[in-house]
């Protein structure tokens, strides 16, 4: 399981259900990461200001859960 580069907390990612392009959020600090590869799992830090409208809508929906 990868760790958050901001706070070093483990990121809870279910590798069986995520897809490339998905955005995951650190539960501890809120840092955002994009899944850039599945096998092996690779993440890239995302700046929320750089999300396009569709990704921003998905991120906001995820915050409501």
N, C-alpha and C. Protein backbone atom coordinates (compact mmCIF):
# COMPACT_ATOMS: atom_id res chain seq x y z
N UNK A 1 0.85 -1.18 0.00
CA UNK A 1 0.00 0.00 0.00
C UNK A 1 0.90 1.24 0.00
N UNK A 2 0.67 2.17 -0.92
CA UNK A 2 1.51 3.38 -0.98
C UNK A 2 1.21 4.32 0.18
N UNK A 3 2.17 5.17 0.49
CA UNK A 3 2.01 6.19 1.52
C UNK A 3 1.83 7.55 0.88
N UNK A 4 1.11 8.42 1.57
CA UNK A 4 0.91 9.80 1.15
C UNK A 4 2.25 10.53 1.22
N UNK A 5 2.59 11.25 0.17
CA UNK A 5 3.86 11.98 0.18
C UNK A 5 3.79 13.24 1.04
N UNK A 6 2.59 13.68 1.40
CA UNK A 6 2.43 14.87 2.23
C UNK A 6 2.54 14.55 3.72
N UNK A 7 1.80 13.52 4.17
CA UNK A 7 1.74 13.23 5.62
C UNK A 7 2.26 11.85 5.98
N UNK A 8 2.64 11.05 4.96
CA UNK A 8 3.20 9.72 5.13
C UNK A 8 2.23 8.69 5.69
N UNK A 9 0.92 9.00 5.69
CA UNK A 9 -0.08 8.02 6.09
C UNK A 9 -0.31 7.04 4.94
N UNK A 10 -0.65 5.79 5.27
CA UNK A 10 -0.93 4.83 4.19
C UNK A 10 -2.21 5.24 3.44
N UNK A 11 -2.16 5.12 2.11
CA UNK A 11 -3.34 5.41 1.28
C UNK A 11 -4.13 4.13 1.12
N UNK A 12 -5.39 4.16 1.48
CA UNK A 12 -6.25 2.99 1.40
C UNK A 12 -6.82 2.90 -0.02
N UNK A 13 -6.15 2.10 -0.87
CA UNK A 13 -6.55 1.98 -2.27
C UNK A 13 -6.83 0.51 -2.56
N UNK A 14 -8.06 0.22 -3.02
CA UNK A 14 -8.41 -1.14 -3.41
C UNK A 14 -8.00 -1.31 -4.87
N UNK A 15 -6.86 -1.93 -5.11
CA UNK A 15 -6.30 -2.04 -6.45
C UNK A 15 -7.20 -2.82 -7.41
N UNK A 16 -8.17 -3.58 -6.88
CA UNK A 16 -9.05 -4.36 -7.73
C UNK A 16 -10.18 -3.53 -8.32
N UNK A 17 -10.46 -2.34 -7.73
CA UNK A 17 -11.59 -1.56 -8.24
C UNK A 17 -11.19 -0.22 -8.84
N UNK A 18 -9.94 0.21 -8.66
CA UNK A 18 -9.52 1.49 -9.24
C UNK A 18 -9.11 1.30 -10.69
N UNK A 19 -9.20 2.39 -11.45
CA UNK A 19 -8.80 2.38 -12.85
C UNK A 19 -7.84 3.53 -13.08
N UNK A 20 -7.06 3.44 -14.16
CA UNK A 20 -6.18 4.54 -14.52
C UNK A 20 -7.01 5.80 -14.71
N UNK A 21 -6.53 6.91 -14.18
CA UNK A 21 -7.24 8.18 -14.29
C UNK A 21 -8.09 8.51 -13.08
N UNK A 22 -8.35 7.51 -12.21
CA UNK A 22 -9.12 7.77 -10.99
C UNK A 22 -8.33 8.68 -10.06
N UNK A 23 -9.05 9.47 -9.29
CA UNK A 23 -8.45 10.34 -8.29
C UNK A 23 -8.72 9.72 -6.92
N UNK A 24 -7.66 9.58 -6.12
CA UNK A 24 -7.80 9.11 -4.75
C UNK A 24 -7.35 10.23 -3.81
N UNK A 25 -7.93 10.25 -2.61
CA UNK A 25 -7.66 11.32 -1.65
C UNK A 25 -7.17 10.71 -0.35
N UNK A 26 -6.12 11.29 0.20
CA UNK A 26 -5.61 10.85 1.50
C UNK A 26 -6.65 11.18 2.57
N UNK A 27 -7.01 10.18 3.37
CA UNK A 27 -7.99 10.38 4.44
C UNK A 27 -7.47 11.31 5.53
N UNK A 28 -6.17 11.36 5.72
CA UNK A 28 -5.59 12.15 6.80
C UNK A 28 -5.43 13.63 6.45
N UNK A 29 -4.86 13.94 5.28
CA UNK A 29 -4.54 15.34 4.98
C UNK A 29 -5.28 15.89 3.76
N UNK A 30 -5.94 15.03 2.99
CA UNK A 30 -6.70 15.51 1.84
C UNK A 30 -5.90 15.66 0.56
N UNK A 31 -4.63 15.26 0.57
CA UNK A 31 -3.84 15.32 -0.66
C UNK A 31 -4.47 14.41 -1.71
N UNK A 32 -4.40 14.85 -2.96
CA UNK A 32 -5.03 14.11 -4.05
C UNK A 32 -3.98 13.49 -4.96
N UNK A 33 -4.29 12.28 -5.43
CA UNK A 33 -3.40 11.54 -6.31
C UNK A 33 -4.20 10.95 -7.46
N UNK A 34 -3.61 10.97 -8.66
CA UNK A 34 -4.22 10.32 -9.81
C UNK A 34 -3.55 8.97 -10.01
N UNK A 35 -4.35 7.94 -10.29
CA UNK A 35 -3.82 6.63 -10.62
C UNK A 35 -3.30 6.73 -12.06
N UNK A 36 -1.99 6.59 -12.24
CA UNK A 36 -1.42 6.69 -13.59
C UNK A 36 -1.08 5.32 -14.16
N UNK A 37 -1.01 4.30 -13.33
CA UNK A 37 -0.77 2.93 -13.78
C UNK A 37 -1.32 1.98 -12.73
N UNK A 38 -1.76 0.82 -13.18
CA UNK A 38 -2.36 -0.17 -12.28
C UNK A 38 -1.35 -1.26 -11.90
N UNK A 39 -0.60 -1.77 -12.86
CA UNK A 39 0.29 -2.90 -12.59
C UNK A 39 1.68 -2.59 -13.07
N UNK A 40 2.57 -2.12 -12.24
CA UNK A 40 2.39 -1.86 -10.80
C UNK A 40 1.65 -0.55 -10.56
N UNK A 41 1.08 -0.41 -9.37
CA UNK A 41 0.33 0.78 -9.00
C UNK A 41 1.26 1.99 -8.95
N UNK A 42 0.92 3.02 -9.72
CA UNK A 42 1.68 4.27 -9.72
C UNK A 42 0.72 5.43 -9.53
N UNK A 43 1.13 6.37 -8.67
CA UNK A 43 0.32 7.55 -8.38
C UNK A 43 1.08 8.81 -8.75
N UNK A 44 0.33 9.84 -9.09
CA UNK A 44 0.93 11.16 -9.33
C UNK A 44 0.12 12.17 -8.53
N UNK A 45 0.82 13.05 -7.82
CA UNK A 45 0.14 14.09 -7.03
C UNK A 45 -0.65 14.99 -7.98
N UNK A 46 -1.84 15.42 -7.52
CA UNK A 46 -2.72 16.26 -8.32
C UNK A 46 -2.98 17.56 -7.58
N UNK A 47 -2.92 18.65 -8.30
CA UNK A 47 -3.31 19.95 -7.76
C UNK A 47 -4.80 20.12 -8.06
N UNK A 48 -5.66 20.30 -7.03
CA UNK A 48 -7.10 20.40 -7.27
C UNK A 48 -7.46 21.51 -8.26
N UNK A 49 -6.64 22.53 -8.37
CA UNK A 49 -6.91 23.62 -9.31
C UNK A 49 -6.69 23.18 -10.75
N UNK A 50 -5.97 22.07 -10.96
CA UNK A 50 -5.68 21.58 -12.31
C UNK A 50 -6.70 20.57 -12.82
N UNK A 51 -7.66 20.16 -11.98
CA UNK A 51 -8.65 19.19 -12.41
C UNK A 51 -9.57 19.82 -13.45
N UNK A 52 -9.93 19.03 -14.48
CA UNK A 52 -10.91 19.56 -15.43
C UNK A 52 -12.29 19.46 -14.78
N UNK A 53 -13.30 19.99 -15.43
CA UNK A 53 -14.64 20.10 -14.81
C UNK A 53 -15.20 18.73 -14.43
N UNK A 54 -15.05 17.73 -15.30
CA UNK A 54 -15.58 16.39 -15.01
C UNK A 54 -14.89 15.78 -13.80
N UNK A 55 -13.55 15.86 -13.75
CA UNK A 55 -12.82 15.32 -12.61
C UNK A 55 -13.17 16.06 -11.33
N UNK A 56 -13.35 17.37 -11.40
CA UNK A 56 -13.71 18.15 -10.23
C UNK A 56 -15.07 17.72 -9.70
N UNK A 57 -16.02 17.46 -10.61
CA UNK A 57 -17.34 16.99 -10.19
C UNK A 57 -17.23 15.65 -9.49
N UNK A 58 -16.42 14.73 -10.02
CA UNK A 58 -16.24 13.43 -9.39
C UNK A 58 -15.60 13.57 -8.02
N UNK A 59 -14.61 14.46 -7.90
CA UNK A 59 -13.94 14.67 -6.62
C UNK A 59 -14.93 15.21 -5.60
N UNK A 60 -15.75 16.19 -6.00
CA UNK A 60 -16.72 16.76 -5.07
C UNK A 60 -17.74 15.73 -4.63
N UNK A 61 -18.17 14.84 -5.54
CA UNK A 61 -19.10 13.78 -5.17
C UNK A 61 -18.47 12.86 -4.15
N UNK A 62 -17.18 12.56 -4.30
CA UNK A 62 -16.47 11.69 -3.36
C UNK A 62 -16.37 12.30 -1.99
N UNK A 63 -16.30 13.63 -1.89
CA UNK A 63 -16.23 14.29 -0.60
C UNK A 63 -17.52 14.16 0.20
N UNK A 64 -18.63 14.02 -0.51
CA UNK A 64 -19.93 13.95 0.17
C UNK A 64 -20.17 12.62 0.84
N UNK A 65 -19.46 11.58 0.44
CA UNK A 65 -19.70 10.24 0.99
C UNK A 65 -19.25 10.12 2.41
